[in-house]
Protein backbone atom coordinates (compact mmCIF):
# COMPACT_ATOMS: atom_id res chain seq x y z
CA MET A 1 4.40 11.42 -19.23
CA ARG A 2 7.73 9.96 -18.24
CA HIS A 3 8.54 6.25 -18.30
CA LEU A 4 7.51 4.55 -15.07
CA GLU A 5 9.41 1.59 -13.66
CA VAL A 6 7.32 -0.83 -11.62
CA MET A 7 9.25 -1.63 -8.47
CA PRO A 8 7.59 -4.50 -6.61
CA LEU A 9 7.45 -3.97 -2.83
CA SER A 10 8.28 -0.25 -3.31
CA GLY A 11 6.10 1.62 -5.79
CA ILE A 12 6.25 3.01 -9.30
CA GLY A 13 8.60 5.66 -10.67
CA ARG A 14 9.52 7.92 -7.75
CA LEU A 15 6.24 7.20 -5.96
CA ARG A 16 6.58 4.90 -2.97
CA PHE A 17 4.09 3.10 -0.80
CA GLY A 18 3.27 5.45 2.06
CA HIS A 19 3.17 8.61 -0.09
CA GLY A 20 0.04 10.73 0.15
CA PRO A 21 -2.55 11.79 -2.43
CA ALA A 22 -0.87 15.17 -2.98
CA ASP A 23 2.42 13.38 -3.80
CA VAL A 24 0.66 11.19 -6.39
CA ARG A 25 -1.18 14.10 -8.02
CA GLY A 26 2.01 16.15 -8.16
CA TYR A 27 4.11 13.37 -9.65
CA ILE A 28 1.60 12.14 -12.22
CA GLY A 29 0.65 15.68 -13.27
CA GLU A 30 -2.43 14.65 -15.28
CA GLU A 31 -6.14 15.17 -14.99
CA GLU A 32 -7.94 12.46 -13.06
CA VAL A 33 -10.19 10.26 -15.22
CA VAL A 34 -12.29 7.13 -14.74
CA GLU A 35 -12.04 4.52 -17.49
CA PRO A 36 -14.29 1.51 -18.20
CA TRP A 37 -11.77 -1.03 -16.82
CA MET A 38 -11.79 0.74 -13.44
CA ALA A 39 -14.46 -1.13 -11.51
CA GLY A 40 -15.66 -1.23 -7.95
CA ASP A 41 -15.59 1.32 -5.18
CA LEU A 42 -13.02 3.94 -6.17
CA ARG A 43 -13.50 6.30 -3.20
CA ALA A 44 -10.15 5.17 -1.80
CA ALA A 45 -8.40 5.84 -5.10
CA LEU A 46 -6.97 8.43 -7.45
CA THR A 47 -7.52 7.43 -11.07
CA PHE A 48 -5.59 8.52 -14.15
CA SER A 49 -5.38 7.17 -17.68
CA GLY A 50 -4.30 3.54 -17.23
CA LEU A 51 -3.50 4.01 -13.52
CA ILE A 52 -5.27 3.53 -10.19
CA PHE A 53 -3.60 4.51 -6.92
CA PHE A 54 -5.35 3.10 -3.82
CA PHE A 55 -4.97 4.59 -0.35
CA ASP A 56 -5.56 3.24 3.13
CA ARG A 57 -7.96 5.97 4.32
CA TYR A 58 -10.81 7.75 2.60
CA ASP A 59 -14.11 9.50 3.12
CA ARG A 60 -17.03 10.16 0.77
CA ARG A 61 -14.92 12.63 -1.26
CA GLY A 62 -11.94 10.33 -1.79
CA PRO A 63 -8.58 9.66 -0.14
CA THR A 64 -8.02 11.80 2.94
CA LYS A 65 -5.03 14.14 3.22
CA ASP A 66 -3.33 11.80 5.69
CA ALA A 67 -3.94 8.67 3.55
CA ARG A 68 -1.04 6.44 2.56
CA LEU A 69 -0.53 4.83 -0.85
CA VAL A 70 -0.98 1.04 -0.48
CA GLU A 71 -1.73 -0.35 -3.96
CA ILE A 72 -1.14 0.57 -7.60
CA GLN A 73 -2.88 -0.92 -10.63
CA VAL A 74 -1.79 -0.31 -14.21
CA HIS A 75 -3.79 -1.22 -17.31
CA GLN A 76 -2.35 -0.86 -20.82
CA ARG A 77 -0.36 2.25 -19.91
CA SER A 78 2.37 3.13 -22.39
CA GLY A 79 5.76 3.98 -20.93
CA LEU A 80 5.51 1.40 -18.15
CA ARG A 81 8.52 -0.81 -17.49
CA LEU A 82 8.63 -4.08 -15.57
CA PHE A 83 11.93 -5.80 -14.75
CA GLU A 84 13.75 -3.22 -16.92
CA ARG A 85 11.70 -3.96 -20.05
CA PRO A 86 8.61 -2.26 -21.48
CA LEU A 87 5.55 -4.00 -20.05
CA GLU A 88 4.07 -4.68 -23.48
CA SER A 89 7.28 -6.45 -24.59
CA TRP A 90 6.77 -9.30 -22.08
CA THR A 91 4.96 -12.37 -23.32
CA ARG A 92 3.59 -14.89 -20.85
CA ASP A 93 6.19 -17.51 -21.87
CA GLU A 94 9.11 -15.06 -21.64
CA LEU A 95 8.07 -13.88 -18.20
CA ILE A 96 7.59 -17.43 -16.92
CA GLN A 97 11.02 -18.35 -18.31
CA GLU A 98 12.63 -15.32 -16.64
CA LEU A 99 10.97 -16.08 -13.30
CA THR A 100 12.03 -19.73 -13.54
CA GLU A 101 15.64 -18.78 -14.38
CA GLN A 102 15.73 -16.35 -11.45
CA ARG A 103 14.15 -19.00 -9.18
CA VAL A 104 11.21 -16.78 -8.31
CA ALA A 105 8.18 -18.71 -7.07
CA TRP A 106 4.95 -17.81 -8.84
CA SER A 107 1.45 -19.17 -9.19
CA THR A 108 -1.82 -18.44 -10.91
CA CYS A 109 -5.15 -17.44 -9.42
CA PRO A 110 -8.56 -16.44 -10.79
CA GLU A 111 -7.58 -12.75 -10.71
CA ALA A 112 -4.17 -13.06 -12.40
CA ASP A 113 -2.20 -15.02 -14.96
CA ILE A 114 0.91 -14.70 -12.80
CA LEU A 115 0.92 -14.03 -9.06
CA ILE A 116 4.23 -13.48 -7.26
CA ASP A 117 3.42 -13.36 -3.55
CA SER A 118 7.02 -12.65 -2.52
CA MET A 119 6.91 -9.44 -4.58
CA SER A 120 3.28 -8.45 -3.89
CA LEU A 121 2.84 -8.47 -7.67
CA GLN A 122 0.19 -9.71 -10.06
CA ILE A 123 0.41 -9.67 -13.86
CA SER A 124 -2.34 -10.39 -16.38
CA PHE A 125 -2.10 -10.70 -20.14
CA ASN A 126 -4.17 -9.50 -23.07
CA GLY A 127 -3.75 -12.46 -25.37
CA ASP A 128 -0.07 -13.22 -24.94
CA VAL A 129 1.10 -9.68 -24.12
CA ALA A 130 1.32 -8.30 -20.59
CA GLY A 131 -1.34 -5.63 -20.12
CA PHE A 132 -2.21 -5.35 -16.42
CA VAL A 133 0.00 -5.09 -13.35
CA ALA A 134 -0.95 -4.66 -9.70
CA ILE A 135 1.51 -4.11 -6.87
CA TRP A 136 0.67 -3.55 -3.25
CA GLU A 137 2.32 -2.74 0.02
CA PRO A 138 3.43 -6.04 1.55
CA GLU A 139 1.69 -5.35 4.86
CA MET A 140 -1.43 -3.36 3.95
CA ALA A 141 -3.17 -1.98 6.99
CA ASP A 142 -6.91 -2.13 7.43
CA VAL A 143 -8.78 0.64 5.69
CA SER A 144 -10.42 3.09 8.04
CA SER A 145 -13.40 4.95 6.67
CA SER A 146 -16.07 7.10 8.18
CA ASP A 147 -18.76 5.48 6.04
CA SER A 148 -17.62 1.92 5.41
CA ASP A 149 -16.55 -0.83 7.76
CA ARG A 150 -15.37 -3.30 5.14
CA PRO A 151 -12.04 -3.40 3.32
CA TRP A 152 -12.11 -1.98 -0.19
CA TRP A 153 -9.35 -4.20 -1.60
CA LYS A 154 -9.41 -7.86 -2.44
CA VAL A 155 -6.89 -9.90 -0.49
CA TRP A 156 -4.70 -11.59 -3.09
CA GLY A 157 -3.45 -15.14 -2.82
């Protein structure tokens, strides 16, 4: 698999928010798998090793053909880059220093070690090394589902 650059507010690699399930499957080019860290209702998602792609519409079989990509979660995926560095090379202190130097506002919350609302980005650490990243479309629409009337995502912040 190629290196994937996380681009807050846009997507990952060449995948952008708004792309459909077929675009994601074609770009990732791997078998779908479910791993132990992948929790909750995954009907609105495509899951690959270390990656979850959430969509705005789904049915009992998964994302619908007309669904739009709205959130991406990455967990200990090699080849991932964040702010032009390998994800696993960022320590908590280095990232906080970089954000401070760039005057980027950040906070913490129960779900993340670092939450950057202005970038729709959350980062969590395994020990002191970055291991989880979530990015989402800045203006996620409500999920429409034929068999669920509640949103599948957690509203961050």
